[in-house]
Amino acid sequence: KVITRLHHARRETQGDCLVATLEDYALAYHLAARPMARSVHTI
C-alpha cells in the first residue's frame, strides 16, 4: 500500500480508494520477500 501511495500519480482509483497493481507487489517482493521469510523461519 505504501508503494501504491508513492506512485499515486500513476494509479487508478475505485471510488475514493487507490488500487494496488502487480507492479506494487513486485516492488515489495524484491525488497521484503527475503526478510519476511527470515522472520517466519526465525533465521
Full PDB file with SEQRES, HELIX, SHEET, SSBOND, CRYST1, ORIGX, SCALE, CONECT and MASTER records, all heavy atoms in Angstrom:
SEQRES   1 A   43  LYS VAL ILE THR ARG LEU HIS HIS ALA ARG ARG GLU THR          
SEQRES   2 A   43  GLN GLY ASP CYS LEU VAL ALA THR LEU GLU ASP TYR ALA          
SEQRES   3 A   43  LEU ALA TYR HIS LEU ALA ALA ARG PRO MET ALA ARG SER          
SEQRES   4 A   43  VAL HIS THR ILE                                              
HELIX    1 AA1 VAL A    2  LEU A    6  1                                   5    
HELIX    2 AA2 HIS A    8  ARG A   10  5                                   3    
HELIX    3 AA3 LEU A   22  HIS A   41  1                                  20    
SHEET    1 AA1 2 THR A  13  GLN A  14  0                                        
SHEET    2 AA1 2 CYS A  17  LEU A  18 -1                                        
CRYST1    1.000    1.000    1.000  90.00  90.00  90.00 P 1           1          
ORIGX1      1.000000  0.000000  0.000000        0.00000                         
ORIGX2      0.000000  1.000000  0.000000        0.00000                         
ORIGX3      0.000000  0.000000  1.000000        0.00000                         
SCALE1      1.000000  0.000000  0.000000        0.00000                         
SCALE2      0.000000  1.000000  0.000000        0.00000                         
SCALE3      0.000000  0.000000  1.000000        0.00000                         
ATOM      1  N   LYS A   1       0.824  -1.207   0.000  1.00  0.00           N  
ATOM      2  CA  LYS A   1       0.000   0.000   0.000  1.00  0.00           C  
ATOM      3  C   LYS A   1       0.861   1.261   0.000  1.00  0.00           C  
ATOM      4  O   LYS A   1       0.513   2.258  -0.655  1.00  0.00           O  
ATOM      5  CB  LYS A   1      -0.922  -0.013   1.221  1.00  0.00           C  
ATOM      6  CG  LYS A   1      -1.985  -1.088   1.177  1.00  0.00           C  
ATOM      7  CD  LYS A   1      -2.808  -1.099   2.457  1.00  0.00           C  
ATOM      8  CE  LYS A   1      -3.856  -2.198   2.440  1.00  0.00           C  
ATOM      9  NZ  LYS A   1      -4.655  -2.218   3.691  1.00  0.00           N  
ATOM     10  N   VAL A   2       1.966   1.249   0.737  1.00  0.00           N  
ATOM     11  CA  VAL A   2       2.869   2.407   0.746  1.00  0.00           C  
ATOM     12  C   VAL A   2       3.406   2.659  -0.661  1.00  0.00           C  
ATOM     13  O   VAL A   2       3.486   3.806  -1.123  1.00  0.00           O  
ATOM     14  CB  VAL A   2       4.031   2.187   1.740  1.00  0.00           C  
ATOM     15  CG1 VAL A   2       5.114   3.246   1.551  1.00  0.00           C  
ATOM     16  CG2 VAL A   2       3.519   2.224   3.176  1.00  0.00           C  
ATOM     17  N   ILE A   3       3.773   1.586  -1.363  1.00  0.00           N  
ATOM     18  CA  ILE A   3       4.285   1.728  -2.728  1.00  0.00           C  
ATOM     19  C   ILE A   3       3.199   2.276  -3.646  1.00  0.00           C  
ATOM     20  O   ILE A   3       3.460   3.114  -4.520  1.00  0.00           O  
ATOM     21  CB  ILE A   3       4.816   0.374  -3.238  1.00  0.00           C  
ATOM     22  CG1 ILE A   3       6.048  -0.043  -2.416  1.00  0.00           C  
ATOM     23  CG2 ILE A   3       5.174   0.449  -4.717  1.00  0.00           C  
ATOM     24  CD1 ILE A   3       6.516  -1.457  -2.689  1.00  0.00           C  
ATOM     25  N   THR A   4       1.963   1.829  -3.453  1.00  0.00           N  
ATOM     26  CA  THR A   4       0.853   2.349  -4.251  1.00  0.00           C  
ATOM     27  C   THR A   4       0.692   3.848  -4.021  1.00  0.00           C  
ATOM     28  O   THR A   4       0.501   4.619  -4.970  1.00  0.00           O  
ATOM     29  CB  THR A   4      -0.458   1.632  -3.885  1.00  0.00           C  
ATOM     30  OG1 THR A   4      -0.294   0.223  -4.085  1.00  0.00           O  
ATOM     31  CG2 THR A   4      -1.613   2.128  -4.745  1.00  0.00           C  
ATOM     32  N   ARG A   5       0.769   4.275  -2.758  1.00  0.00           N  
ATOM     33  CA  ARG A   5       0.648   5.709  -2.459  1.00  0.00           C  
ATOM     34  C   ARG A   5       1.822   6.489  -3.045  1.00  0.00           C  
ATOM     35  O   ARG A   5       1.656   7.620  -3.507  1.00  0.00           O  
ATOM     36  CB  ARG A   5       0.575   5.923  -0.947  1.00  0.00           C  
ATOM     37  CG  ARG A   5      -0.718   5.413  -0.320  1.00  0.00           C  
ATOM     38  CD  ARG A   5      -0.845   5.868   1.132  1.00  0.00           C  
ATOM     39  NE  ARG A   5      -2.084   5.375   1.721  1.00  0.00           N  
ATOM     40  CZ  ARG A   5      -2.171   4.323   2.521  1.00  0.00           C  
ATOM     41  NH1 ARG A   5      -1.068   3.643   2.822  1.00  0.00           N  
ATOM     42  NH2 ARG A   5      -3.331   3.929   3.008  1.00  0.00           N  
ATOM     43  N   LEU A   6       3.014   5.895  -3.016  1.00  0.00           N  
ATOM     44  CA  LEU A   6       4.175   6.566  -3.611  1.00  0.00           C  
ATOM     45  C   LEU A   6       3.932   6.843  -5.090  1.00  0.00           C  
ATOM     46  O   LEU A   6       4.288   7.911  -5.600  1.00  0.00           O  
ATOM     47  CB  LEU A   6       5.415   5.681  -3.458  1.00  0.00           C  
ATOM     48  CG  LEU A   6       6.346   5.921  -2.273  1.00  0.00           C  
ATOM     49  CD1 LEU A   6       7.478   4.905  -2.296  1.00  0.00           C  
ATOM     50  CD2 LEU A   6       6.899   7.330  -2.280  1.00  0.00           C  
ATOM     51  N   HIS A   7       3.338   5.894  -5.774  1.00  0.00           N  
ATOM     52  CA  HIS A   7       3.099   6.010  -7.221  1.00  0.00           C  
ATOM     53  C   HIS A   7       1.668   6.469  -7.517  1.00  0.00           C  
ATOM     54  O   HIS A   7       1.129   6.157  -8.582  1.00  0.00           O  
ATOM     55  CB  HIS A   7       3.346   4.657  -7.896  1.00  0.00           C  
ATOM     56  CG  HIS A   7       4.778   4.226  -7.888  1.00  0.00           C  
ATOM     57  ND1 HIS A   7       5.700   4.655  -8.810  1.00  0.00           N  
ATOM     58  CD2 HIS A   7       5.461   3.411  -7.053  1.00  0.00           C  
ATOM     59  CE1 HIS A   7       6.873   4.112  -8.556  1.00  0.00           C  
ATOM     60  NE2 HIS A   7       6.757   3.350  -7.488  1.00  0.00           N  
ATOM     61  N   HIS A   8       1.076   7.228  -6.598  1.00  0.00           N  
ATOM     62  CA  HIS A   8      -0.342   7.552  -6.756  1.00  0.00           C  
ATOM     63  C   HIS A   8      -0.636   8.336  -8.038  1.00  0.00           C  
ATOM     64  O   HIS A   8      -1.742   8.270  -8.566  1.00  0.00           O  
ATOM     65  CB  HIS A   8      -0.844   8.349  -5.544  1.00  0.00           C  
ATOM     66  CG  HIS A   8      -0.244   9.710  -5.420  1.00  0.00           C  
ATOM     67  ND1 HIS A   8       0.945   9.933  -4.758  1.00  0.00           N  
ATOM     68  CD2 HIS A   8      -0.654  10.918  -5.873  1.00  0.00           C  
ATOM     69  CE1 HIS A   8       1.221  11.223  -4.804  1.00  0.00           C  
ATOM     70  NE2 HIS A   8       0.278  11.841  -5.476  1.00  0.00           N  
ATOM     71  N   ALA A   9       0.368   9.044  -8.569  1.00  0.00           N  
ATOM     72  CA  ALA A   9       0.142   9.791  -9.804  1.00  0.00           C  
ATOM     73  C   ALA A   9      -0.038   8.854 -10.998  1.00  0.00           C  
ATOM     74  O   ALA A   9      -0.504   9.279 -12.056  1.00  0.00           O  
ATOM     75  CB  ALA A   9       1.310  10.744 -10.068  1.00  0.00           C  
ATOM     76  N   ARG A  10       0.296   7.560 -10.821  1.00  0.00           N  
ATOM     77  CA  ARG A  10       0.188   6.586 -11.910  1.00  0.00           C  
ATOM     78  C   ARG A  10      -0.797   5.467 -11.588  1.00  0.00           C  
ATOM     79  O   ARG A  10      -0.804   4.440 -12.237  1.00  0.00           O  
ATOM     80  CB  ARG A  10       1.564   5.974 -12.199  1.00  0.00           C  
ATOM     81  CG  ARG A  10       2.633   6.970 -12.559  1.00  0.00           C  
ATOM     82  CD  ARG A  10       4.026   6.328 -12.604  1.00  0.00           C  
ATOM     83  NE  ARG A  10       4.053   5.107 -13.361  1.00  0.00           N  
ATOM     84  CZ  ARG A  10       4.400   3.927 -12.855  1.00  0.00           C  
ATOM     85  NH1 ARG A  10       4.735   3.804 -11.584  1.00  0.00           N  
ATOM     86  NH2 ARG A  10       4.402   2.855 -13.616  1.00  0.00           N  
ATOM     87  N   ARG A  11      -1.598   5.645 -10.535  1.00  0.00           N  
ATOM     88  CA  ARG A  11      -2.507   4.575 -10.123  1.00  0.00           C  
ATOM     89  C   ARG A  11      -3.960   4.958 -10.356  1.00  0.00           C  
ATOM     90  O   ARG A  11      -4.345   6.118 -10.221  1.00  0.00           O  
ATOM     91  CB  ARG A  11      -2.295   4.244  -8.633  1.00  0.00           C  
ATOM     92  CG  ARG A  11      -0.934   3.633  -8.326  1.00  0.00           C  
ATOM     93  CD  ARG A  11      -0.798   2.264  -8.967  1.00  0.00           C  
ATOM     94  NE  ARG A  11       0.547   1.711  -8.746  1.00  0.00           N  
ATOM     95  CZ  ARG A  11       1.532   1.791  -9.620  1.00  0.00           C  
ATOM     96  NH1 ARG A  11       1.330   2.415 -10.790  1.00  0.00           N  
ATOM     97  NH2 ARG A  11       2.710   1.260  -9.361  1.00  0.00           N  
ATOM     98  N   GLU A  12      -4.770   3.958 -10.684  1.00  0.00           N  
ATOM     99  CA  GLU A  12      -6.202   4.144 -10.858  1.00  0.00           C  
ATOM    100  C   GLU A  12      -6.889   4.219  -9.499  1.00  0.00           C  
ATOM    101  O   GLU A  12      -6.333   3.790  -8.479  1.00  0.00           O  
ATOM    102  CB  GLU A  12      -6.781   2.984 -11.665  1.00  0.00           C  
ATOM    103  CG  GLU A  12      -6.390   3.010 -13.131  1.00  0.00           C  
ATOM    104  CD  GLU A  12      -6.986   4.202 -13.856  1.00  0.00           C  
ATOM    105  OE1 GLU A  12      -8.221   4.347 -13.848  1.00  0.00           O  
ATOM    106  OE2 GLU A  12      -6.219   4.996 -14.419  1.00  0.00           O  
ATOM    107  N   THR A  13      -8.088   4.764  -9.491  1.00  0.00           N  
ATOM    108  CA  THR A  13      -8.864   4.842  -8.259  1.00  0.00           C  
ATOM    109  C   THR A  13     -10.160   4.060  -8.411  1.00  0.00           C  
ATOM    110  O   THR A  13     -10.656   3.843  -9.520  1.00  0.00           O  
ATOM    111  CB  THR A  13      -9.199   6.299  -7.899  1.00  0.00           C  
ATOM    112  OG1 THR A  13      -9.946   6.884  -8.976  1.00  0.00           O  
ATOM    113  CG2 THR A  13      -7.947   7.093  -7.637  1.00  0.00           C  
ATOM    114  N   GLN A  14     -10.694   3.629  -7.282  1.00  0.00           N  
ATOM    115  CA  GLN A  14     -12.001   2.992  -7.226  1.00  0.00           C  
ATOM    116  C   GLN A  14     -12.773   3.690  -6.118  1.00  0.00           C  
ATOM    117  O   GLN A  14     -12.525   3.463  -4.939  1.00  0.00           O  
ATOM    118  CB  GLN A  14     -11.851   1.498  -6.927  1.00  0.00           C  
ATOM    119  CG  GLN A  14     -13.167   0.734  -6.957  1.00  0.00           C  
ATOM    120  CD  GLN A  14     -12.943  -0.757  -6.804  1.00  0.00           C  
ATOM    121  OE1 GLN A  14     -12.028  -1.324  -7.393  1.00  0.00           O  
ATOM    122  NE2 GLN A  14     -13.757  -1.395  -5.984  1.00  0.00           N  
ATOM    123  N   GLY A  15     -13.638   4.585  -6.497  1.00  0.00           N  
ATOM    124  CA  GLY A  15     -14.264   5.451  -5.506  1.00  0.00           C  
ATOM    125  C   GLY A  15     -13.221   6.408  -4.951  1.00  0.00           C  
ATOM    126  O   GLY A  15     -12.537   7.107  -5.700  1.00  0.00           O  
ATOM    127  N   ASP A  16     -13.082   6.429  -3.645  1.00  0.00           N  
ATOM    128  CA  ASP A  16     -12.066   7.270  -3.004  1.00  0.00           C  
ATOM    129  C   ASP A  16     -10.785   6.496  -2.717  1.00  0.00           C  
ATOM    130  O   ASP A  16      -9.885   7.009  -2.033  1.00  0.00           O  
ATOM    131  CB  ASP A  16     -12.614   7.838  -1.683  1.00  0.00           C  
ATOM    132  CG  ASP A  16     -13.762   8.799  -1.913  1.00  0.00           C  
ATOM    133  OD1 ASP A  16     -13.777   9.446  -2.981  1.00  0.00           O  
ATOM    134  OD2 ASP A  16     -14.644   8.894  -1.034  1.00  0.00           O  
ATOM    135  N   CYS A  17     -10.670   5.275  -3.199  1.00  0.00           N  
ATOM    136  CA  CYS A  17      -9.532   4.414  -2.869  1.00  0.00           C  
ATOM    137  C   CYS A  17      -8.590   4.276  -4.067  1.00  0.00           C  
ATOM    138  O   CYS A  17      -9.028   4.243  -5.220  1.00  0.00           O  
ATOM    139  CB  CYS A  17     -10.004   3.027  -2.448  1.00  0.00           C  
ATOM    140  SG  CYS A  17     -11.090   3.024  -1.005  1.00  0.00           S  
ATOM    141  N   LEU A  18      -7.301   4.181  -3.767  1.00  0.00           N  
ATOM    142  CA  LEU A  18      -6.305   3.818  -4.770  1.00  0.00           C  
ATOM    143  C   LEU A  18      -6.311   2.310  -4.943  1.00  0.00           C  
ATOM    144  O   LEU A  18      -6.609   1.569  -4.001  1.00  0.00           O  
ATOM    145  CB  LEU A  18      -4.921   4.284  -4.334  1.00  0.00           C  
ATOM    146  CG  LEU A  18      -4.656   5.792  -4.319  1.00  0.00           C  
ATOM    147  CD1 LEU A  18      -3.411   6.105  -3.510  1.00  0.00           C  
ATOM    148  CD2 LEU A  18      -4.497   6.313  -5.738  1.00  0.00           C  
ATOM    149  N   VAL A  19      -5.945   1.843  -6.126  1.00  0.00           N  
ATOM    150  CA  VAL A  19      -5.944   0.405  -6.411  1.00  0.00           C  
ATOM    151  C   VAL A  19      -4.507  -0.050  -6.650  1.00  0.00           C  
ATOM    152  O   VAL A  19      -3.822   0.455  -7.543  1.00  0.00           O  
ATOM    153  CB  VAL A  19      -6.817   0.073  -7.633  1.00  0.00           C  
ATOM    154  CG1 VAL A  19      -6.809  -1.438  -7.893  1.00  0.00           C  
ATOM    155  CG2 VAL A  19      -8.249   0.556  -7.408  1.00  0.00           C  
ATOM    156  N   ALA A  20      -4.047  -0.991  -5.828  1.00  0.00           N  
ATOM    157  CA  ALA A  20      -2.695  -1.530  -5.971  1.00  0.00           C  
ATOM    158  C   ALA A  20      -2.605  -2.391  -7.230  1.00  0.00           C  
ATOM    159  O   ALA A  20      -3.594  -2.998  -7.667  1.00  0.00           O  
ATOM    160  CB  ALA A  20      -2.326  -2.347  -4.743  1.00  0.00           C  
ATOM    161  N   THR A  21      -1.396  -2.455  -7.810  1.00  0.00           N  
ATOM    162  CA  THR A  21      -1.173  -3.215  -9.033  1.00  0.00           C  
ATOM    163  C   THR A  21      -0.137  -4.304  -8.806  1.00  0.00           C  
ATOM    164  O   THR A  21       0.531  -4.350  -7.766  1.00  0.00           O  
ATOM    165  CB  THR A  21      -0.670  -2.291 -10.156  1.00  0.00           C  
ATOM    166  OG1 THR A  21       0.634  -1.806  -9.795  1.00  0.00           O  
ATOM    167  CG2 THR A  21      -1.607  -1.108 -10.359  1.00  0.00           C  
ATOM    168  N   LEU A  22       0.021  -5.159  -9.811  1.00  0.00           N  
ATOM    169  CA  LEU A  22       1.067  -6.177  -9.746  1.00  0.00           C  
ATOM    170  C   LEU A  22       2.453  -5.557  -9.642  1.00  0.00           C  
ATOM    171  O   LEU A  22       3.368  -6.143  -9.059  1.00  0.00           O  
ATOM    172  CB  LEU A  22       0.992  -7.069 -10.990  1.00  0.00           C  
ATOM    173  CG  LEU A  22      -0.032  -8.204 -10.959  1.00  0.00           C  
ATOM    174  CD1 LEU A  22      -0.064  -8.911 -12.302  1.00  0.00           C  
ATOM    175  CD2 LEU A  22       0.281  -9.177  -9.850  1.00  0.00           C  
ATOM    176  N   GLU A  23       2.623  -4.381 -10.221  1.00  0.00           N  
ATOM    177  CA  GLU A  23       3.910  -3.680 -10.100  1.00  0.00           C  
ATOM    178  C   GLU A  23       4.217  -3.408  -8.631  1.00  0.00           C  
ATOM    179  O   GLU A  23       5.355  -3.602  -8.184  1.00  0.00           O  
ATOM    180  CB  GLU A  23       3.870  -2.362 -10.876  1.00  0.00           C  
ATOM    181  CG  GLU A  23       5.148  -1.542 -10.729  1.00  0.00           C  
ATOM    182  CD  GLU A  23       5.046  -0.179 -11.364  1.00  0.00           C  
ATOM    183  OE1 GLU A  23       3.970   0.163 -11.892  1.00  0.00           O  
ATOM    184  OE2 GLU A  23       6.051   0.557 -11.323  1.00  0.00           O  
ATOM    185  N   ASP A  24       3.215  -2.960  -7.870  1.00  0.00           N  
ATOM    186  CA  ASP A  24       3.425  -2.677  -6.454  1.00  0.00           C  
ATOM    187  C   ASP A  24       3.809  -3.945  -5.704  1.00  0.00           C  
ATOM    188  O   ASP A  24       4.678  -3.922  -4.825  1.00  0.00           O  
ATOM    189  CB  ASP A  24       2.157  -2.064  -5.841  1.00  0.00           C  
ATOM    190  CG  ASP A  24       1.739  -0.793  -6.546  1.00  0.00           C  
ATOM    191  OD1 ASP A  24       2.635  -0.027  -6.957  1.00  0.00           O  
ATOM    192  OD2 ASP A  24       0.525  -0.568  -6.712  1.00  0.00           O  
ATOM    193  N   TYR A  25       3.157  -5.064  -6.048  1.00  0.00           N  
ATOM    194  CA  TYR A  25       3.502  -6.334  -5.402  1.00  0.00           C  
ATOM    195  C   TYR A  25       4.947  -6.718  -5.722  1.00  0.00           C  
ATOM    196  O   TYR A  25       5.697  -7.141  -4.833  1.00  0.00           O  
ATOM    197  CB  TYR A  25       2.568  -7.456  -5.867  1.00  0.00           C  
ATOM    198  CG  TYR A  25       2.952  -8.797  -5.297  1.00  0.00           C  
ATOM    199  CD1 TYR A  25       2.529  -9.176  -4.032  1.00  0.00           C  
ATOM    200  CD2 TYR A  25       3.766  -9.670  -6.017  1.00  0.00           C  
ATOM    201  CE1 TYR A  25       2.900 -10.392  -3.492  1.00  0.00           C  
ATOM    202  CE2 TYR A  25       4.150 -10.887  -5.485  1.00  0.00           C  
ATOM    203  CZ  TYR A  25       3.714 -11.258  -4.220  1.00  0.00           C  
ATOM    204  OH  TYR A  25       4.105 -12.458  -3.689  1.00  0.00           O  
ATOM    205  N   ALA A  26       5.330  -6.588  -6.994  1.00  0.00           N  
ATOM    206  CA  ALA A  26       6.680  -6.985  -7.404  1.00  0.00           C  
ATOM    207  C   ALA A  26       7.739  -6.147  -6.698  1.00  0.00           C  
ATOM    208  O   ALA A  26       8.770  -6.667  -6.246  1.00  0.00           O  
ATOM    209  CB  ALA A  26       6.819  -6.861  -8.923  1.00  0.00           C  
ATOM    210  N   LEU A  27       7.515  -4.839  -6.603  1.00  0.00           N  
ATOM    211  CA  LEU A  27       8.486  -3.964  -5.926  1.00  0.00           C  
ATOM    212  C   LEU A  27       8.623  -4.347  -4.456  1.00  0.00           C  
ATOM    213  O   LEU A  27       9.734  -4.424  -3.926  1.00  0.00           O  
ATOM    214  CB  LEU A  27       8.050  -2.509  -6.058  1.00  0.00           C  
ATOM    215  CG  LEU A  27       8.070  -1.926  -7.478  1.00  0.00           C  
ATOM    216  CD1 LEU A  27       7.475  -0.517  -7.487  1.00  0.00           C  
ATOM    217  CD2 LEU A  27       9.488  -1.892  -8.033  1.00  0.00           C  
ATOM    218  N   ALA A  28       7.497  -4.591  -3.791  1.00  0.00           N  
ATOM    219  CA  ALA A  28       7.545  -5.004  -2.388  1.00  0.00           C  
ATOM    220  C   ALA A  28       8.217  -6.368  -2.252  1.00  0.00           C  
ATOM    221  O   ALA A  28       8.991  -6.600  -1.317  1.00  0.00           O  
ATOM    222  CB  ALA A  28       6.135  -5.044  -1.799  1.00  0.00           C  
ATOM    223  N   TYR A  29       7.947  -7.264  -3.185  1.00  0.00           N  
ATOM    224  CA  TYR A  29       8.519  -8.610  -3.132  1.00  0.00           C  
ATOM    225  C   TYR A  29      10.045  -8.574  -3.160  1.00  0.00           C  
ATOM    226  O   TYR A  29      10.713  -9.250  -2.372  1.00  0.00           O  
ATOM    227  CB  TYR A  29       7.996  -9.443  -4.307  1.00  0.00           C  
ATOM    228  CG  TYR A  29       8.604 -10.824  -4.396  1.00  0.00           C  
ATOM    229  CD1 TYR A  29       8.023 -11.890  -3.722  1.00  0.00           C  
ATOM    230  CD2 TYR A  29       9.755 -11.060  -5.139  1.00  0.00           C  
ATOM    231  CE1 TYR A  29       8.583 -13.160  -3.788  1.00  0.00           C  
ATOM    232  CE2 TYR A  29      10.320 -12.318  -5.211  1.00  0.00           C  
ATOM    233  CZ  TYR A  29       9.736 -13.368  -4.531  1.00  0.00           C  
ATOM    234  OH  TYR A  29      10.304 -14.613  -4.590  1.00  0.00           O  
ATOM    235  N   HIS A  30      10.606  -7.799  -4.078  1.00  0.00           N  
ATOM    236  CA  HIS A  30      12.063  -7.794  -4.232  1.00  0.00           C  
ATOM    237  C   HIS A  30      12.777  -7.144  -3.049  1.00  0.00           C  
ATOM    238  O   HIS A  30      13.987  -7.304  -2.896  1.00  0.00           O  
ATOM    239  CB  HIS A  30      12.452  -7.089  -5.533  1.00  0.00           C  
ATOM    240  CG  HIS A  30      12.152  -7.903  -6.752  1.00  0.00           C  
ATOM    241  ND1 HIS A  30      12.756  -9.110  -7.009  1.00  0.00           N  
ATOM    242  CD2 HIS A  30      11.279  -7.700  -7.770  1.00  0.00           C  
ATOM    243  CE1 HIS A  30      12.288  -9.603  -8.139  1.00  0.00           C  
ATOM    244  NE2 HIS A  30      11.389  -8.769  -8.625  1.00  0.00           N  
ATOM    245  N   LEU A  31      12.042  -6.422  -2.212  1.00  0.00           N  
ATOM    246  CA  LEU A  31      12.644  -5.836  -1.010  1.00  0.00           C  
ATOM    247  C   LEU A  31      12.322  -6.632   0.251  1.00  0.00           C  
ATOM    248  O   LEU A  31      13.141  -6.686   1.168  1.00  0.00           O  
ATOM    249  CB  LEU A  31      12.172  -4.389  -0.834  1.00  0.00           C  
ATOM    250  CG  LEU A  31      12.643  -3.397  -1.889  1.00  0.00           C  
ATOM    251  CD1 LEU A  31      12.009  -2.036  -1.655  1.00  0.00           C  
ATOM    252  CD2 LEU A  31      14.167  -3.272  -1.881  1.00  0.00           C  
ATOM    253  N   ALA A  32      11.144  -7.257   0.303  1.00  0.00           N  
ATOM    254  CA  ALA A  32      10.683  -7.827   1.573  1.00  0.00           C  
ATOM    255  C   ALA A  32      10.562  -9.345   1.581  1.00  0.00           C  
ATOM    256  O   ALA A  32      10.397  -9.913   2.663  1.00  0.00           O  
ATOM    257  CB  ALA A  32       9.328  -7.222   1.939  1.00  0.00           C  
ATOM    258  N   ALA A  33      10.623 -10.017   0.445  1.00  0.00           N  
ATOM    259  CA  ALA A  33      10.419 -11.470   0.436  1.00  0.00           C  
ATOM    260  C   ALA A  33      11.452 -12.181   1.296  1.00  0.00           C  
ATOM    261  O   ALA A  33      11.115 -13.074   2.082  1.00  0.00           O  
ATOM    262  CB  ALA A  33      10.484 -12.001  -1.002  1.00  0.00           C  
ATOM    263  N   ARG A  34      12.719 -11.795   1.152  1.00  0.00           N  
ATOM    264  CA  ARG A  34      13.770 -12.450   1.924  1.00  0.00           C  
ATOM    265  C   ARG A  34      13.649 -12.140   3.419  1.00  0.00           C  
ATOM    266  O   ARG A  34      13.644 -13.055   4.246  1.00  0.00           O  
ATOM    267  CB  ARG A  34      15.135 -12.027   1.374  1.00  0.00           C  
ATOM    268  CG  ARG A  34      16.261 -12.884   1.883  1.00  0.00           C  
ATOM    269  CD  ARG A  34      17.647 -12.357   1.512  1.00  0.00           C  
ATOM    270  NE  ARG A  34      17.691 -11.534   0.347  1.00  0.00           N  
ATOM    271  CZ  ARG A  34      18.314 -11.854  -0.783  1.00  0.00           C  
ATOM    272  NH1 ARG A  34      18.872 -13.026  -0.898  1.00  0.00           N  
ATOM    273  NH2 ARG A  34      18.369 -11.001  -1.777  1.00  0.00           N  
ATOM    274  N   PRO A  35      13.535 -10.848   3.829  1.00  0.00           N  
ATOM    275  CA  PRO A  35      13.373 -10.558   5.259  1.00  0.00           C  
ATOM    276  C   PRO A  35      12.140 -11.213   5.873  1.00  0.00           C  
ATOM    277  O   PRO A  35      12.168 -11.651   7.026  1.00  0.00           O  
ATOM    278  CB  PRO A  35      13.259  -9.031   5.292  1.00  0.00           C  
ATOM    279  CG  PRO A  35      13.989  -8.573   4.092  1.00  0.00           C  
ATOM    280  CD  PRO A  35      13.699  -9.613   3.045  1.00  0.00           C  
ATOM    281  N   MET A  36      11.039 -11.294   5.098  1.00  0.00           N  
ATOM    282  CA  MET A  36       9.824 -11.897   5.638  1.00  0.00           C  
ATOM    283  C   MET A  36      10.009 -13.401   5.831  1.00  0.00           C  
ATOM    284  O   MET A  36       9.564 -13.967   6.836  1.00  0.00           O  
ATOM    285  CB  MET A  36       8.650 -11.615   4.710  1.00  0.00           C  
ATOM    286  CG  MET A  36       7.312 -11.929   5.337  1.00  0.00           C  
ATOM    287  SD  MET A  36       5.979 -11.170   4.394  1.00  0.00           S  
ATOM    288  CE  MET A  36       4.574 -12.059   5.063  1.00  0.00           C  
ATOM    289  N   ALA A  37      10.662 -14.065   4.887  1.00  0.00           N  
ATOM    290  CA  ALA A  37      10.931 -15.499   5.044  1.00  0.00           C  
ATOM    291  C   ALA A  37      11.845 -15.740   6.241  1.00  0.00           C  
ATOM    292  O   ALA A  37      11.658 -16.700   7.001  1.00  0.00           O  
ATOM    293  CB  ALA A  37      11.561 -16.056   3.770  1.00  0.00           C  
ATOM    294  N   ARG A  38      12.838 -14.863   6.419  1.00  0.00           N  
ATOM    295  CA  ARG A  38      13.722 -14.987   7.588  1.00  0.00           C  
ATOM    296  C   ARG A  38      12.925 -14.868   8.881  1.00  0.00           C  
ATOM    297  O   ARG A  38      13.143 -15.624   9.839  1.00  0.00           O  
ATOM    298  CB  ARG A  38      14.780 -13.894   7.563  1.00  0.00           C  
ATOM    299  CG  ARG A  38      15.853 -14.031   6.513  1.00  0.00           C  
ATOM    300  CD  ARG A  38      16.670 -12.758   6.484  1.00  0.00           C  
ATOM    301  NE  ARG A  38      17.699 -12.779   5.464  1.00  0.00           N  
ATOM    302  CZ  ARG A  38      18.290 -11.675   4.999  1.00  0.00           C  
ATOM    303  NH1 ARG A  38      17.929 -10.493   5.457  1.00  0.00           N  
ATOM    304  NH2 ARG A  38      19.226 -11.761   4.089  1.00  0.00           N  
ATOM    305  N   SER A  39      12.009 -13.900   8.919  1.00  0.00           N  
ATOM    306  CA  SER A  39      11.240 -13.669  10.136  1.00  0.00           C  
ATOM    307  C   SER A  39      10.389 -14.881  10.486  1.00  0.00           C  
ATOM    308  O   SER A  39      10.363 -15.338  11.629  1.00  0.00           O  
ATOM    309  CB  SER A  39      10.355 -12.435   9.967  1.00  0.00           C  
ATOM    310  OG  SER A  39      11.132 -11.264   9.828  1.00  0.00           O  
ATOM    311  N   VAL A  40       9.677 -15.414   9.492  1.00  0.00           N  
ATOM    312  CA  VAL A  40       8.774 -16.529   9.744  1.00  0.00           C  
ATOM    313  C   VAL A  40       9.547 -17.779  10.152  1.00  0.00           C  
ATOM    314  O   VAL A  40       9.117 -18.530  11.038  1.00  0.00           O  
ATOM    315  CB  VAL A  40       7.908 -16.801   8.503  1.00  0.00           C  
ATOM    316  CG1 VAL A  40       7.129 -18.095   8.646  1.00  0.00           C  
ATOM    317  CG2 VAL A  40       6.948 -15.637   8.274  1.00  0.00           C  
ATOM    318  N   HIS A  41      10.703 -18.008   9.524  1.00  0.00           N  
ATOM    319  CA  HIS A  41      11.501 -19.199   9.821  1.00  0.00           C  
ATOM    320  C   HIS A  41      12.512 -18.959  10.950  1.00  0.00           C  
ATOM    321  O   HIS A  41      13.244 -19.884  11.320  1.00  0.00           O  
ATOM    322  CB  HIS A  41      12.245 -19.662   8.566  1.00  0.00           C  
ATOM    323  CG  HIS A  41      11.345 -20.239   7.515  1.00  0.00           C  
ATOM    324  ND1 HIS A  41      10.881 -21.534   7.549  1.00  0.00           N  
ATOM    325  CD2 HIS A  41      10.811 -19.684   6.393  1.00  0.00           C  
ATOM    326  CE1 HIS A  41      10.118 -21.760   6.498  1.00  0.00           C  
ATOM    327  NE2 HIS A  41      10.059 -20.660   5.775  1.00  0.00           N  
ATOM    328  N   THR A  42      12.573 -17.744  11.483  1.00  0.00           N  
ATOM    329  CA  THR A  42      13.493 -17.379  12.569  1.00  0.00           C  
ATOM    330  C   THR A  42      14.935 -17.692  12.192  1.00  0.00           C  
ATOM    331  O   THR A  42      15.662 -18.389  12.906  1.00  0.00           O  
ATOM    332  CB  THR A  42      13.138 -18.109  13.884  1.00  0.00           C  
ATOM    333  OG1 THR A  42      11.723 -18.208  14.004  1.00  0.00           O  
ATOM    334  CG2 THR A  42      13.689 -17.351  15.075  1.00  0.00           C  
ATOM    335  N   ILE A  43      15.354 -17.200  11.037  1.00  0.00           N  
ATOM    336  CA  ILE A  43      16.718 -17.432  10.590  1.00  0.00           C  
ATOM    337  C   ILE A  43      17.366 -16.102  10.215  1.00  0.00           C  
ATOM    338  O   ILE A  43      16.701 -15.082  10.087  1.00  0.00           O  
ATOM    339  CB  ILE A  43      16.786 -18.376   9.370  1.00  0.00           C  
ATOM    340  CG1 ILE A  43      16.007 -17.750   8.199  1.00  0.00           C  
ATOM    341  CG2 ILE A  43      16.279 -19.747   9.709  1.00  0.00           C  
ATOM    342  CD1 ILE A  43      16.281 -18.420   6.871  1.00  0.00           C  
TER     343      ILE A  43                                                      
MASTER        0    0    0    3    2    0    0    6  342    1    0    4          
END                                                                             
